[in-house]
Amino acid sequence: MKKHGFSHGAAVLVCTISSALLVDVLRKHVPVVHDAVENFAKYLLGIFQFTNPPEHLAILLYATLLAVVWGVAFALMHKD
């Protein structure tokens, strides 16, 4: 069980850092995707009436997506 806890903690750290970098890369090289995610973030912020910048929620959305990919890969690699 300790292995799984470390993996989940590492996933959170890696996904958070990677998503912040991913937002920056997409802003420069694929602005259409970046704008779509940021508009979705603005939409969610409007629904929940939060005052955070949309960029912060965009990082969270990317981190969630990366964590899902990490989790699926982990589940496929470890069948115990």
C-alpha atoms as a PDB file:
ATOM      1  CA  MET A   1       0.000   0.000   0.000  1.00  0.00           C
ATOM      2  CA  LYS A   2       2.919   2.382   0.582  1.00  0.00           C
ATOM      3  CA  LYS A   3       3.860   2.139  -3.079  1.00  0.00           C
ATOM      4  CA  HIS A   4       0.405   3.292  -4.120  1.00  0.00           C
ATOM      5  CA  GLY A   5       0.413   6.242  -1.709  1.00  0.00           C
ATOM      6  CA  PHE A   6       3.762   7.438  -3.008  1.00  0.00           C
ATOM      7  CA  SER A   7       2.541   7.055  -6.575  1.00  0.00           C
ATOM      8  CA  HIS A   8      -0.542   9.140  -5.888  1.00  0.00           C
ATOM      9  CA  GLY A   9       1.482  11.850  -4.176  1.00  0.00           C
ATOM     10  CA  ALA A  10       3.981  11.890  -7.036  1.00  0.00           C
ATOM     11  CA  ALA A  11       1.086  12.063  -9.510  1.00  0.00           C
ATOM     12  CA  VAL A  12      -0.320  15.170  -7.834  1.00  0.00           C
ATOM     13  CA  LEU A  13       3.058  16.889  -7.822  1.00  0.00           C
ATOM     14  CA  VAL A  14       3.964  15.982 -11.402  1.00  0.00           C
ATOM     15  CA  CYS A  15       0.504  16.767 -12.770  1.00  0.00           C
ATOM     16  CA  THR A  16       0.367  20.165 -11.093  1.00  0.00           C
ATOM     17  CA  ILE A  17       3.788  21.234 -12.322  1.00  0.00           C
ATOM     18  CA  SER A  18       3.229  19.761 -15.786  1.00  0.00           C
ATOM     19  CA  SER A  19      -0.147  21.401 -16.180  1.00  0.00           C
ATOM     20  CA  ALA A  20       1.276  24.839 -15.380  1.00  0.00           C
ATOM     21  CA  LEU A  21       3.917  24.279 -18.043  1.00  0.00           C
ATOM     22  CA  LEU A  22       1.315  22.902 -20.436  1.00  0.00           C
ATOM     23  CA  VAL A  23      -0.813  26.041 -20.099  1.00  0.00           C
ATOM     24  CA  ASP A  24       2.197  28.169 -21.026  1.00  0.00           C
ATOM     25  CA  VAL A  25       3.132  25.989 -24.013  1.00  0.00           C
ATOM     26  CA  LEU A  26      -0.431  25.849 -25.329  1.00  0.00           C
ATOM     27  CA  ARG A  27      -0.796  29.617 -24.952  1.00  0.00           C
ATOM     28  CA  LYS A  28       2.196  30.147 -27.229  1.00  0.00           C
ATOM     29  CA  HIS A  29       1.890  27.291 -29.730  1.00  0.00           C
ATOM     30  CA  VAL A  30      -1.775  26.227 -29.840  1.00  0.00           C
ATOM     31  CA  PRO A  31      -3.773  29.288 -28.837  1.00  0.00           C
ATOM     32  CA  VAL A  32      -7.059  27.797 -30.061  1.00  0.00           C
ATOM     33  CA  VAL A  33      -6.909  24.995 -27.475  1.00  0.00           C
ATOM     34  CA  HIS A  34      -5.735  27.366 -24.776  1.00  0.00           C
ATOM     35  CA  ASP A  35      -8.551  29.815 -25.509  1.00  0.00           C
ATOM     36  CA  ALA A  36     -11.148  27.015 -25.487  1.00  0.00           C
ATOM     37  CA  VAL A  37      -9.985  25.743 -22.091  1.00  0.00           C
ATOM     38  CA  GLU A  38      -9.798  29.251 -20.674  1.00  0.00           C
ATOM     39  CA  ASN A  39     -13.306  30.049 -21.940  1.00  0.00           C
ATOM     40  CA  PHE A  40     -14.549  26.838 -20.302  1.00  0.00           C
ATOM     41  CA  ALA A  41     -12.809  27.897 -17.100  1.00  0.00           C
ATOM     42  CA  LYS A  42     -14.526  31.307 -17.282  1.00  0.00           C
ATOM     43  CA  TYR A  43     -17.841  29.549 -17.789  1.00  0.00           C
ATOM     44  CA  LEU A  44     -17.303  27.334 -14.729  1.00  0.00           C
ATOM     45  CA  LEU A  45     -16.178  30.295 -12.642  1.00  0.00           C
ATOM     46  CA  GLY A  46     -19.329  32.144 -13.648  1.00  0.00           C
ATOM     47  CA  ILE A  47     -21.559  29.229 -12.704  1.00  0.00           C
ATOM     48  CA  PHE A  48     -20.000  28.825  -9.269  1.00  0.00           C
ATOM     49  CA  GLN A  49     -19.457  32.590  -8.846  1.00  0.00           C
ATOM     50  CA  PHE A  50     -15.791  32.302  -7.935  1.00  0.00           C
ATOM     51  CA  THR A  51     -13.466  35.274  -8.337  1.00  0.00           C
ATOM     52  CA  ASN A  52     -10.296  33.326  -9.147  1.00  0.00           C
ATOM     53  CA  PRO A  53      -8.501  34.054 -12.417  1.00  0.00           C
ATOM     54  CA  PRO A  54      -9.477  31.639 -15.209  1.00  0.00           C
ATOM     55  CA  GLU A  55      -5.812  30.697 -15.623  1.00  0.00           C
ATOM     56  CA  HIS A  56      -5.797  29.056 -12.194  1.00  0.00           C
ATOM     57  CA  LEU A  57      -8.810  26.933 -13.042  1.00  0.00           C
ATOM     58  CA  ALA A  58      -7.283  26.069 -16.420  1.00  0.00           C
ATOM     59  CA  ILE A  59      -4.222  24.711 -14.605  1.00  0.00           C
ATOM     60  CA  LEU A  60      -6.525  22.684 -12.368  1.00  0.00           C
ATOM     61  CA  LEU A  61      -8.403  21.311 -15.387  1.00  0.00           C
ATOM     62  CA  TYR A  62      -5.180  20.254 -17.094  1.00  0.00           C
ATOM     63  CA  ALA A  63      -3.892  18.737 -13.846  1.00  0.00           C
ATOM     64  CA  THR A  64      -7.100  16.732 -13.521  1.00  0.00           C
ATOM     65  CA  LEU A  65      -6.789  15.473 -17.085  1.00  0.00           C
ATOM     66  CA  LEU A  66      -3.166  14.497 -16.556  1.00  0.00           C
ATOM     67  CA  ALA A  67      -4.030  12.759 -13.274  1.00  0.00           C
ATOM     68  CA  VAL A  68      -6.717  10.719 -15.042  1.00  0.00           C
ATOM     69  CA  VAL A  69      -4.217   9.636 -17.690  1.00  0.00           C
ATOM     70  CA  TRP A  70      -1.691   8.809 -14.944  1.00  0.00           C
ATOM     71  CA  GLY A  71      -4.334   6.801 -13.049  1.00  0.00           C
ATOM     72  CA  VAL A  72      -5.364   4.798 -16.096  1.00  0.00           C
ATOM     73  CA  ALA A  73      -1.726   4.033 -16.901  1.00  0.00           C
ATOM     74  CA  PHE A  74      -1.102   3.034 -13.276  1.00  0.00           C
ATOM     75  CA  ALA A  75      -4.157   0.763 -13.261  1.00  0.00           C
ATOM     76  CA  LEU A  76      -3.069  -0.926 -16.475  1.00  0.00           C
ATOM     77  CA  MET A  77       0.489  -1.474 -15.235  1.00  0.00           C
ATOM     78  CA  HIS A  78      -0.369  -2.765 -11.721  1.00  0.00           C
ATOM     79  CA  LYS A  79      -2.908  -5.528 -11.499  1.00  0.00           C
ATOM     80  CA  ASP A  80      -2.555  -6.550  -7.840  1.00  0.00           C
END
